[in-house]
Amino acid sequence: MTIQLKPEQAQVVGQAIQAGLIATADDIVDVGIDAIRQRLKLRPNEVSTPVLSVAEWEREFDTWIESFPDTAPLPDEALSRESLYPDRL
């Protein structure tokens, strides 16, 4: 198979060879295929993504919320304007 590169594409391939990123111009196909594979892996896969019912989602959400440590609520003074902007009195 022969691929016709635009001049700027050929220049980038030449720079990649000089920089040691690829050994030959033919290696650019492997690099491109690898890049496409990675992008395909990052796409959401509709087939394997489970769809949760409302009850299941709520249960998962509650479990996530309960995973956080208990902390005391902030006192009202902590959220006052004076507390948030002490230099603007």
Foldseek 3Di string as FASTA:
>chain_A
DDDDDDPVVVVVLVVCCVVVVDVDSVCVVVVVVVVVVVVVVPDDDPVPDDDDDPVRVVVVVVVVVVVDDDDDDDDPVCPDPCNVCVPPD
